[in-house]
Amino acid sequence: MNRVVTVGLDGTPESLSAARWAAREAQQRNATLRMTHAWVLLSDARDHPPTEENDPNYWPKWITDQAMQSIEPIYPDLPVVEDLVAEDPVDALLAAAKESELLVLGSRDMSPMASYFLGDVGLHVMVRSRTPTVLVRAREDSEPPADEGDVVVALSLDGPCDALLEFAFTSSARRNVNLRAVHGRNLPAAAYTRGGIVADPYLRSEVIGHAQRELADMLCPWREKFGDVRVVDSVWAESPAKAVIRGAVGAGLLVVGRRQKGPRASPPVGNVLAAAVHHAPCPLAVVPLV
């Protein structure tokens, strides 16, 4: 089966940025780009042949045409498939994701601080997709940046992370950039004074040192497997969510895992992923984990 990268289109500037990002990714992967737009009222041209003056699918076609015009001058040799689907957008994107290596969606920039705003469609797709999903904010320029910046991967050190590390290392190798592995570790309450100041530097050193050894052990086999990828690992004495956002500064791609199975009462999006969705200053890849 041909390799496919799918991008979801809805006619917004965010989806155009997502299309350009997905096109570059498809080219790097030697894959076909599938541009999917889903609309439940899409008309079947076989039953109702449209006329030039009265085409019920005018806007869906306009959306995909705009994306094609944005991509073609930059990637003239990239194989592209236009996919108009008469289904609920969430169902259509999840179905497309099953047939793809990667799903790419636009994510709205709602503030000057470059925060993410994820709509209902994107949220429902992200938390249910078993395919890595990338969220891309709108860019004013028509082309992707020439210098990508490092790939940053957020690691919790709890449970298996093979899919996350495979994605992060492969992304770094494909882009020929550094991989920065980030972990945040909260200090125990005994390390702080009532004012929130660290009063026990020895305890802090012990906690951070233990976390650094755990992180090094987790990365060791992947460093050997991807010998050409330069890895920089960092452990910070702060909440994992804060550490991830701090670590993503200047990055070209942030990679975060999403556990598919958790406690029944747990929210579909954890603290780290929620922080990344709303505050990451770069494209965010969400990798489903066991």
C-alpha atoms as a PDB file:
ATOM      1  CA  MET A   1       0.000   0.000   0.000  1.00  0.00           C
ATOM      2  CA  ASN A   2       1.238   3.480  -0.876  1.00  0.00           C
ATOM      3  CA  ARG A   3       2.396   5.676   1.977  1.00  0.00           C
ATOM      4  CA  VAL A   4      -0.132   8.436   2.724  1.00  0.00           C
ATOM      5  CA  VAL A   5      -0.149  11.645   4.758  1.00  0.00           C
ATOM      6  CA  THR A   6      -3.673  13.028   5.221  1.00  0.00           C
ATOM      7  CA  VAL A   7      -4.533  16.659   5.946  1.00  0.00           C
ATOM      8  CA  GLY A   8      -7.999  17.779   7.013  1.00  0.00           C
ATOM      9  CA  LEU A   9      -9.245  20.912   5.235  1.00  0.00           C
ATOM     10  CA  ASP A  10     -12.014  23.301   6.280  1.00  0.00           C
ATOM     11  CA  GLY A  11     -11.157  26.469   4.323  1.00  0.00           C
ATOM     12  CA  THR A  12      -9.523  28.340   7.215  1.00  0.00           C
ATOM     13  CA  PRO A  13      -6.012  29.841   7.148  1.00  0.00           C
ATOM     14  CA  GLU A  14      -5.085  27.219   9.744  1.00  0.00           C
ATOM     15  CA  SER A  15      -5.988  24.377   7.402  1.00  0.00           C
ATOM     16  CA  LEU A  16      -3.946  25.969   4.604  1.00  0.00           C
ATOM     17  CA  SER A  17      -0.924  26.094   6.912  1.00  0.00           C
ATOM     18  CA  ALA A  18      -1.623  22.490   7.857  1.00  0.00           C
ATOM     19  CA  ALA A  19      -1.756  21.580   4.158  1.00  0.00           C
ATOM     20  CA  ARG A  20       1.637  23.162   3.480  1.00  0.00           C
ATOM     21  CA  TRP A  21       3.141  21.461   6.541  1.00  0.00           C
ATOM     22  CA  ALA A  22       1.641  18.135   5.494  1.00  0.00           C
ATOM     23  CA  ALA A  23       2.946  18.556   1.941  1.00  0.00           C
ATOM     24  CA  ARG A  24       6.482  19.024   3.187  1.00  0.00           C
ATOM     25  CA  GLU A  25       6.119  16.029   5.481  1.00  0.00           C
ATOM     26  CA  ALA A  26       4.745  13.895   2.644  1.00  0.00           C
ATOM     27  CA  GLN A  27       7.681  14.866   0.458  1.00  0.00           C
ATOM     28  CA  GLN A  28      10.154  13.950   3.207  1.00  0.00           C
ATOM     29  CA  ARG A  29       8.410  10.603   3.687  1.00  0.00           C
ATOM     30  CA  ASN A  30       8.129   9.941  -0.069  1.00  0.00           C
ATOM     31  CA  ALA A  31       4.380   9.652   0.477  1.00  0.00           C
ATOM     32  CA  THR A  32       1.164  10.751  -1.223  1.00  0.00           C
ATOM     33  CA  LEU A  33      -0.658  13.742   0.250  1.00  0.00           C
ATOM     34  CA  ARG A  34      -4.395  13.220   0.676  1.00  0.00           C
ATOM     35  CA  MET A  35      -6.419  16.408   1.142  1.00  0.00           C
ATOM     36  CA  THR A  36      -9.677  15.510   2.878  1.00  0.00           C
ATOM     37  CA  HIS A  37     -12.708  17.743   3.265  1.00  0.00           C
ATOM     38  CA  ALA A  38     -15.821  16.234   4.832  1.00  0.00           C
ATOM     39  CA  TRP A  39     -19.305  17.722   4.666  1.00  0.00           C
ATOM     40  CA  VAL A  40     -22.480  15.787   5.460  1.00  0.00           C
ATOM     41  CA  LEU A  41     -24.446  17.683   2.759  1.00  0.00           C
ATOM     42  CA  LEU A  42     -21.966  16.913  -0.016  1.00  0.00           C
ATOM     43  CA  SER A  43     -23.902  16.117  -3.184  1.00  0.00           C
ATOM     44  CA  ASP A  44     -23.277  12.996  -5.267  1.00  0.00           C
ATOM     45  CA  ALA A  45     -22.476  14.242  -8.760  1.00  0.00           C
ATOM     46  CA  ARG A  46     -23.519  10.892 -10.237  1.00  0.00           C
ATOM     47  CA  ASP A  47     -27.099  11.423  -9.102  1.00  0.00           C
ATOM     48  CA  HIS A  48     -27.250  15.169  -9.683  1.00  0.00           C
ATOM     49  CA  PRO A  49     -24.794  16.277 -12.398  1.00  0.00           C
ATOM     50  CA  PRO A  50     -23.853  19.862 -11.491  1.00  0.00           C
ATOM     51  CA  THR A  51     -24.010  22.723 -13.937  1.00  0.00           C
ATOM     52  CA  GLU A  52     -21.421  25.466 -14.060  1.00  0.00           C
ATOM     53  CA  GLU A  53     -23.944  27.937 -12.675  1.00  0.00           C
ATOM     54  CA  ASN A  54     -25.380  25.695  -9.955  1.00  0.00           C
ATOM     55  CA  ASP A  55     -22.863  23.368  -8.375  1.00  0.00           C
ATOM     56  CA  PRO A  56     -23.935  22.278  -4.833  1.00  0.00           C
ATOM     57  CA  ASN A  57     -20.355  21.272  -4.125  1.00  0.00           C
ATOM     58  CA  TYR A  58     -18.874  24.623  -5.107  1.00  0.00           C
ATOM     59  CA  TRP A  59     -17.464  25.461  -1.654  1.00  0.00           C
ATOM     60  CA  PRO A  60     -15.967  22.021  -0.918  1.00  0.00           C
ATOM     61  CA  LYS A  61     -14.238  22.118  -4.314  1.00  0.00           C
ATOM     62  CA  TRP A  62     -13.091  25.695  -3.682  1.00  0.00           C
ATOM     63  CA  ILE A  63     -11.540  24.629  -0.372  1.00  0.00           C
ATOM     64  CA  THR A  64      -9.499  21.824  -1.937  1.00  0.00           C
ATOM     65  CA  ASP A  65      -8.586  24.007  -4.953  1.00  0.00           C
ATOM     66  CA  GLN A  66      -7.231  26.719  -2.645  1.00  0.00           C
ATOM     67  CA  ALA A  67      -5.098  24.167  -0.848  1.00  0.00           C
ATOM     68  CA  MET A  68      -3.815  22.776  -4.148  1.00  0.00           C
ATOM     69  CA  GLN A  69      -2.900  26.259  -5.392  1.00  0.00           C
ATOM     70  CA  SER A  70      -0.999  26.825  -2.145  1.00  0.00           C
ATOM     71  CA  ILE A  71       0.951  23.567  -2.412  1.00  0.00           C
ATOM     72  CA  GLU A  72       1.607  23.018  -6.116  1.00  0.00           C
ATOM     73  CA  PRO A  73       4.115  25.870  -6.707  1.00  0.00           C
ATOM     74  CA  ILE A  74       6.242  24.677  -3.771  1.00  0.00           C
ATOM     75  CA  TYR A  75       5.950  20.911  -4.332  1.00  0.00           C
ATOM     76  CA  PRO A  76       5.173  20.498  -8.062  1.00  0.00           C
ATOM     77  CA  ASP A  77       6.123  16.800  -8.144  1.00  0.00           C
ATOM     78  CA  LEU A  78       4.274  15.736  -4.998  1.00  0.00           C
ATOM     79  CA  PRO A  79       1.485  13.206  -5.646  1.00  0.00           C
ATOM     80  CA  VAL A  80      -1.752  14.676  -4.284  1.00  0.00           C
ATOM     81  CA  VAL A  81      -5.220  13.143  -3.964  1.00  0.00           C
ATOM     82  CA  GLU A  82      -8.288  15.321  -3.380  1.00  0.00           C
ATOM     83  CA  ASP A  83     -10.808  13.587  -1.137  1.00  0.00           C
ATOM     84  CA  LEU A  84     -14.331  15.023  -0.767  1.00  0.00           C
ATOM     85  CA  VAL A  85     -16.365  12.929   1.667  1.00  0.00           C
ATOM     86  CA  ALA A  86     -20.103  13.159   2.384  1.00  0.00           C
ATOM     87  CA  GLU A  87     -19.773  12.268   6.073  1.00  0.00           C
ATOM     88  CA  ASP A  88     -19.467  13.779   9.508  1.00  0.00           C
ATOM     89  CA  PRO A  89     -15.975  15.378   9.645  1.00  0.00           C
ATOM     90  CA  VAL A  90     -14.907  13.454  12.758  1.00  0.00           C
ATOM     91  CA  ASP A  91     -15.894  10.093  11.295  1.00  0.00           C
ATOM     92  CA  ALA A  92     -14.335  10.913   7.938  1.00  0.00           C
ATOM     93  CA  LEU A  93     -11.019  12.038   9.427  1.00  0.00           C
ATOM     94  CA  LEU A  94     -10.799   9.017  11.722  1.00  0.00           C
ATOM     95  CA  ALA A  95     -11.438   6.721   8.761  1.00  0.00           C
ATOM     96  CA  ALA A  96      -8.785   8.526   6.712  1.00  0.00           C
ATOM     97  CA  ALA A  97      -6.327   8.326   9.608  1.00  0.00           C
ATOM     98  CA  LYS A  98      -6.593   4.524   9.652  1.00  0.00           C
ATOM     99  CA  GLU A  99      -5.251   4.481   6.098  1.00  0.00           C
ATOM    100  CA  SER A 100      -2.491   7.025   6.733  1.00  0.00           C
ATOM    101  CA  GLU A 101       0.912   7.263   8.366  1.00  0.00           C
ATOM    102  CA  LEU A 102       0.065  10.706   9.696  1.00  0.00           C
ATOM    103  CA  LEU A 103      -2.973  12.956  10.112  1.00  0.00           C
ATOM    104  CA  VAL A 104      -2.463  16.736  10.038  1.00  0.00           C
ATOM    105  CA  LEU A 105      -5.025  19.278  11.270  1.00  0.00           C
ATOM    106  CA  GLY A 106      -5.103  23.046  11.582  1.00  0.00           C
ATOM    107  CA  SER A 107      -5.249  24.621  15.041  1.00  0.00           C
ATOM    108  CA  ARG A 108      -6.507  28.151  15.597  1.00  0.00           C
ATOM    109  CA  ASP A 109      -4.217  30.854  16.999  1.00  0.00           C
ATOM    110  CA  MET A 110      -6.463  32.879  19.308  1.00  0.00           C
ATOM    111  CA  SER A 111      -4.031  35.228  21.061  1.00  0.00           C
ATOM    112  CA  PRO A 112      -0.798  37.171  20.531  1.00  0.00           C
ATOM    113  CA  MET A 113       0.888  34.657  22.843  1.00  0.00           C
ATOM    114  CA  ALA A 114       0.503  31.996  20.141  1.00  0.00           C
ATOM    115  CA  SER A 115      -1.878  29.835  22.144  1.00  0.00           C
ATOM    116  CA  TYR A 116      -3.639  26.912  20.568  1.00  0.00           C
ATOM    117  CA  PHE A 117      -7.408  26.773  20.368  1.00  0.00           C
ATOM    118  CA  LEU A 118      -8.602  23.327  19.387  1.00  0.00           C
ATOM    119  CA  GLY A 119     -12.164  23.068  18.102  1.00  0.00           C
ATOM    120  CA  ASP A 120     -14.592  20.239  18.722  1.00  0.00           C
ATOM    121  CA  VAL A 121     -13.684  18.378  15.520  1.00  0.00           C
ATOM    122  CA  GLY A 122      -9.944  18.487  16.202  1.00  0.00           C
ATOM    123  CA  LEU A 123     -10.391  17.483  19.834  1.00  0.00           C
ATOM    124  CA  HIS A 124     -12.649  14.524  19.048  1.00  0.00           C
ATOM    125  CA  VAL A 125     -10.308  13.321  16.312  1.00  0.00           C
ATOM    126  CA  MET A 126      -7.153  13.729  18.384  1.00  0.00           C
ATOM    127  CA  VAL A 127      -8.412  11.786  21.401  1.00  0.00           C
ATOM    128  CA  ARG A 128      -9.754   8.913  19.278  1.00  0.00           C
ATOM    129  CA  SER A 129      -7.168   8.612  16.520  1.00  0.00           C
ATOM    130  CA  ARG A 130      -4.791   5.647  16.631  1.00  0.00           C
ATOM    131  CA  THR A 131      -2.610   7.386  14.063  1.00  0.00           C
ATOM    132  CA  PRO A 132      -0.117  10.118  15.046  1.00  0.00           C
ATOM    133  CA  THR A 133      -1.855  13.477  14.646  1.00  0.00           C
ATOM    134  CA  VAL A 134      -0.128  16.819  14.100  1.00  0.00           C
ATOM    135  CA  LEU A 135      -1.707  20.171  14.992  1.00  0.00           C
ATOM    136  CA  VAL A 136      -0.450  23.165  13.012  1.00  0.00           C
ATOM    137  CA  ARG A 137      -1.162  26.832  13.681  1.00  0.00           C
ATOM    138  CA  ALA A 138      -1.663  29.371  10.889  1.00  0.00           C
ATOM    139  CA  ARG A 139       1.396  31.057   9.389  1.00  0.00           C
ATOM    140  CA  GLU A 140       1.312  34.368   7.556  1.00  0.00           C
ATOM    141  CA  ASP A 141       3.947  33.369   5.004  1.00  0.00           C
ATOM    142  CA  SER A 142       3.132  30.923   2.227  1.00  0.00           C
ATOM    143  CA  GLU A 143       6.167  28.701   2.670  1.00  0.00           C
ATOM    144  CA  PRO A 144       7.397  26.605   5.596  1.00  0.00           C
ATOM    145  CA  PRO A 145      10.479  27.904   7.446  1.00  0.00           C
ATOM    146  CA  ALA A 146      13.811  27.102   5.853  1.00  0.00           C
ATOM    147  CA  ASP A 147      15.406  26.251   9.202  1.00  0.00           C
ATOM    148  CA  GLU A 148      13.229  23.849  11.153  1.00  0.00           C
ATOM    149  CA  GLY A 149      14.606  23.842  14.671  1.00  0.00           C
ATOM    150  CA  ASP A 150      15.027  20.810  16.883  1.00  0.00           C
ATOM    151  CA  VAL A 151      12.492  18.102  17.571  1.00  0.00           C
ATOM    152  CA  VAL A 152      11.449  18.064  21.249  1.00  0.00           C
ATOM    153  CA  VAL A 153       9.938  14.965  22.849  1.00  0.00           C
ATOM    154  CA  ALA A 154       8.150  15.042  26.205  1.00  0.00           C
ATOM    155  CA  LEU A 155       8.805  11.941  28.305  1.00  0.00           C
ATOM    156  CA  SER A 156       6.948  10.965  31.469  1.00  0.00           C
ATOM    157  CA  LEU A 157       9.083   7.853  32.234  1.00  0.00           C
ATOM    158  CA  ASP A 158       5.871   6.062  33.305  1.00  0.00           C
ATOM    159  CA  GLY A 159       5.021   3.094  31.128  1.00  0.00           C
ATOM    160  CA  PRO A 160       6.249   2.084  27.658  1.00  0.00           C
ATOM    161  CA  CYS A 161       7.034   4.912  25.234  1.00  0.00           C
ATOM    162  CA  ASP A 162       8.368   2.985  22.235  1.00  0.00           C
ATOM    163  CA  ALA A 163       5.916   4.493  19.732  1.00  0.00           C
ATOM    164  CA  LEU A 164       6.661   7.998  21.028  1.00  0.00           C
ATOM    165  CA  LEU A 165      10.429   7.560  20.858  1.00  0.00           C
ATOM    166  CA  GLU A 166      10.267   5.885  17.438  1.00  0.00           C
ATOM    167  CA  PHE A 167       8.309   8.850  16.080  1.00  0.00           C
ATOM    168  CA  ALA A 168      10.594  11.435  17.715  1.00  0.00           C
ATOM    169  CA  PHE A 169      13.879   9.832  16.660  1.00  0.00           C
ATOM    170  CA  THR A 170      12.654   9.165  13.129  1.00  0.00           C
ATOM    171  CA  SER A 171      11.436  12.765  12.819  1.00  0.00           C
ATOM    172  CA  SER A 172      14.821  14.091  13.977  1.00  0.00           C
ATOM    173  CA  ALA A 173      16.711  11.809  11.594  1.00  0.00           C
ATOM    174  CA  ARG A 174      14.452  12.754   8.666  1.00  0.00           C
ATOM    175  CA  ARG A 175      14.947  16.480   9.334  1.00  0.00           C
ATOM    176  CA  ASN A 176      18.636  16.144  10.264  1.00  0.00           C
ATOM    177  CA  VAL A 177      18.134  18.112  13.489  1.00  0.00           C
ATOM    178  CA  ASN A 178      18.836  17.511  17.178  1.00  0.00           C
ATOM    179  CA  LEU A 179      16.408  15.662  19.407  1.00  0.00           C
ATOM    180  CA  ARG A 180      15.755  17.273  22.786  1.00  0.00           C
ATOM    181  CA  ALA A 181      14.248  14.923  25.368  1.00  0.00           C
ATOM    182  CA  VAL A 182      12.451  16.802  28.150  1.00  0.00           C
ATOM    183  CA  HIS A 183      11.222  15.544  31.509  1.00  0.00           C
ATOM    184  CA  GLY A 184       9.728  17.497  34.417  1.00  0.00           C
ATOM    185  CA  ARG A 185       9.806  16.078  37.940  1.00  0.00           C
ATOM    186  CA  ASN A 186       7.882  17.588  40.844  1.00  0.00           C
ATOM    187  CA  LEU A 187       9.843  17.741  44.078  1.00  0.00           C
ATOM    188  CA  PRO A 188       8.295  16.232  47.225  1.00  0.00           C
ATOM    189  CA  ALA A 189       6.616  18.615  49.643  1.00  0.00           C
ATOM    190  CA  ALA A 190       9.421  18.071  52.146  1.00  0.00           C
ATOM    191  CA  ALA A 191      11.818  19.918  49.844  1.00  0.00           C
ATOM    192  CA  TYR A 192       9.929  23.223  50.155  1.00  0.00           C
ATOM    193  CA  THR A 193       9.352  25.824  52.833  1.00  0.00           C
ATOM    194  CA  ARG A 194       5.870  27.179  53.454  1.00  0.00           C
ATOM    195  CA  GLY A 195       6.670  30.001  51.043  1.00  0.00           C
ATOM    196  CA  GLY A 196       7.328  27.567  48.200  1.00  0.00           C
ATOM    197  CA  ILE A 197      11.109  28.003  48.270  1.00  0.00           C
ATOM    198  CA  VAL A 198      13.320  24.927  47.920  1.00  0.00           C
ATOM    199  CA  ALA A 199      14.889  24.505  51.364  1.00  0.00           C
ATOM    200  CA  ASP A 200      16.624  21.153  50.876  1.00  0.00           C
ATOM    201  CA  PRO A 201      19.067  21.300  47.948  1.00  0.00           C
ATOM    202  CA  TYR A 202      20.329  17.793  48.754  1.00  0.00           C
ATOM    203  CA  LEU A 203      16.850  16.300  48.355  1.00  0.00           C
ATOM    204  CA  ARG A 204      16.400  18.251  45.152  1.00  0.00           C
ATOM    205  CA  SER A 205      19.688  16.900  43.813  1.00  0.00           C
ATOM    206  CA  GLU A 206      18.720  13.334  44.731  1.00  0.00           C
ATOM    207  CA  VAL A 207      15.332  13.565  42.990  1.00  0.00           C
ATOM    208  CA  ILE A 208      16.725  15.148  39.841  1.00  0.00           C
ATOM    209  CA  GLY A 209      19.679  12.769  39.724  1.00  0.00           C
ATOM    210  CA  HIS A 210      17.359   9.762  39.937  1.00  0.00           C
ATOM    211  CA  ALA A 211      15.192  11.148  37.133  1.00  0.00           C
ATOM    212  CA  GLN A 212      18.244  11.818  34.962  1.00  0.00           C
ATOM    213  CA  ARG A 213      19.364   8.193  35.338  1.00  0.00           C
ATOM    214  CA  GLU A 214      15.892   6.941  34.444  1.00  0.00           C
ATOM    215  CA  LEU A 215      15.803   9.178  31.386  1.00  0.00           C
ATOM    216  CA  ALA A 216      19.279   8.070  30.279  1.00  0.00           C
ATOM    217  CA  ASP A 217      18.303   4.404  30.609  1.00  0.00           C
ATOM    218  CA  MET A 218      15.169   4.942  28.529  1.00  0.00           C
ATOM    219  CA  LEU A 219      17.072   6.767  25.775  1.00  0.00           C
ATOM    220  CA  CYS A 220      20.099   4.440  25.661  1.00  0.00           C
ATOM    221  CA  PRO A 221      18.788   1.809  23.179  1.00  0.00           C
ATOM    222  CA  TRP A 222      17.359   4.520  20.930  1.00  0.00           C
ATOM    223  CA  ARG A 223      20.644   6.414  20.886  1.00  0.00           C
ATOM    224  CA  GLU A 224      22.305   3.221  19.694  1.00  0.00           C
ATOM    225  CA  LYS A 225      19.632   2.591  17.054  1.00  0.00           C
ATOM    226  CA  PHE A 226      19.798   6.175  15.738  1.00  0.00           C
ATOM    227  CA  GLY A 227      23.513   6.816  16.016  1.00  0.00           C
ATOM    228  CA  ASP A 228      23.430   9.871  13.730  1.00  0.00           C
ATOM    229  CA  VAL A 229      20.870  11.729  15.848  1.00  0.00           C
ATOM    230  CA  ARG A 230      22.349  14.073  18.447  1.00  0.00           C
ATOM    231  CA  VAL A 231      20.308  13.808  21.653  1.00  0.00           C
ATOM    232  CA  VAL A 232      20.165  16.436  24.397  1.00  0.00           C
ATOM    233  CA  ASP A 233      18.273  15.358  27.518  1.00  0.00           C
ATOM    234  CA  SER A 234      16.989  17.723  30.183  1.00  0.00           C
ATOM    235  CA  VAL A 235      15.331  17.181  33.564  1.00  0.00           C
ATOM    236  CA  TRP A 236      13.764  20.116  35.374  1.00  0.00           C
ATOM    237  CA  ALA A 237      12.484  20.352  38.931  1.00  0.00           C
ATOM    238  CA  GLU A 238       9.017  21.567  38.001  1.00  0.00           C
ATOM    239  CA  SER A 239       5.708  20.209  36.819  1.00  0.00           C
ATOM    240  CA  PRO A 240       5.855  18.120  33.618  1.00  0.00           C
ATOM    241  CA  ALA A 241       3.473  20.530  31.867  1.00  0.00           C
ATOM    242  CA  LYS A 242       5.686  23.558  32.586  1.00  0.00           C
ATOM    243  CA  ALA A 243       8.824  21.627  31.614  1.00  0.00           C
ATOM    244  CA  VAL A 244       7.350  20.650  28.250  1.00  0.00           C
ATOM    245  CA  ILE A 245       6.366  24.201  27.329  1.00  0.00           C
ATOM    246  CA  ARG A 246       9.734  25.562  28.430  1.00  0.00           C
ATOM    247  CA  GLY A 247      11.509  22.840  26.481  1.00  0.00           C
ATOM    248  CA  ALA A 248       9.539  23.570  23.305  1.00  0.00           C
ATOM    249  CA  VAL A 249      10.848  27.135  22.971  1.00  0.00           C
ATOM    250  CA  GLY A 250      12.624  27.427  19.627  1.00  0.00           C
ATOM    251  CA  ALA A 251      11.613  23.925  18.529  1.00  0.00           C
ATOM    252  CA  GLY A 252      10.451  22.952  15.056  1.00  0.00           C
ATOM    253  CA  LEU A 253       8.220  20.136  16.324  1.00  0.00           C
ATOM    254  CA  LEU A 254       6.982  19.069  19.756  1.00  0.00           C
ATOM    255  CA  VAL A 255       6.141  15.373  20.196  1.00  0.00           C
ATOM    256  CA  VAL A 256       3.850  14.298  23.047  1.00  0.00           C
ATOM    257  CA  GLY A 257       2.307  10.920  23.839  1.00  0.00           C
ATOM    258  CA  ARG A 258      -1.340  10.197  24.567  1.00  0.00           C
ATOM    259  CA  ARG A 259      -2.273   7.114  26.561  1.00  0.00           C
ATOM    260  CA  GLN A 260      -5.165   5.271  24.919  1.00  0.00           C
ATOM    261  CA  LYS A 261      -6.029   3.387  28.088  1.00  0.00           C
ATOM    262  CA  GLY A 262      -6.291   4.977  31.500  1.00  0.00           C
ATOM    263  CA  PRO A 263      -8.473   5.079  34.604  1.00  0.00           C
ATOM    264  CA  ARG A 264     -12.164   5.198  33.730  1.00  0.00           C
ATOM    265  CA  ALA A 265     -12.665   8.588  35.374  1.00  0.00           C
ATOM    266  CA  SER A 266      -9.537  10.170  33.880  1.00  0.00           C
ATOM    267  CA  PRO A 267      -9.985  13.003  31.340  1.00  0.00           C
ATOM    268  CA  PRO A 268      -9.263  12.224  27.653  1.00  0.00           C
ATOM    269  CA  VAL A 269      -6.498  14.848  27.616  1.00  0.00           C
ATOM    270  CA  GLY A 270      -3.967  14.924  30.461  1.00  0.00           C
ATOM    271  CA  ASN A 271      -2.249  17.983  31.921  1.00  0.00           C
ATOM    272  CA  VAL A 272       0.864  17.747  29.766  1.00  0.00           C
ATOM    273  CA  LEU A 273      -1.025  17.257  26.519  1.00  0.00           C
ATOM    274  CA  ALA A 274      -3.510  20.008  27.421  1.00  0.00           C
ATOM    275  CA  ALA A 275      -0.635  22.426  28.101  1.00  0.00           C
ATOM    276  CA  ALA A 276       1.015  21.473  24.807  1.00  0.00           C
ATOM    277  CA  VAL A 277      -2.217  21.901  22.832  1.00  0.00           C
ATOM    278  CA  HIS A 278      -2.849  25.381  24.231  1.00  0.00           C
ATOM    279  CA  HIS A 279       0.666  26.785  24.585  1.00  0.00           C
ATOM    280  CA  ALA A 280       3.147  25.008  22.308  1.00  0.00           C
ATOM    281  CA  PRO A 281       4.874  27.578  20.049  1.00  0.00           C
ATOM    282  CA  CYS A 282       5.384  25.068  17.210  1.00  0.00           C
ATOM    283  CA  PRO A 283       3.566  22.209  15.431  1.00  0.00           C
ATOM    284  CA  LEU A 284       2.499  19.528  17.904  1.00  0.00           C
ATOM    285  CA  ALA A 285       2.591  15.791  17.141  1.00  0.00           C
ATOM    286  CA  VAL A 286       0.337  13.656  19.357  1.00  0.00           C
ATOM    287  CA  VAL A 287       1.371  10.003  19.310  1.00  0.00           C
ATOM    288  CA  PRO A 288      -1.079   7.375  20.654  1.00  0.00           C
ATOM    289  CA  LEU A 289       0.456   5.003  23.202  1.00  0.00           C
ATOM    290  CA  VAL A 290      -0.714   1.722  24.685  1.00  0.00           C
END
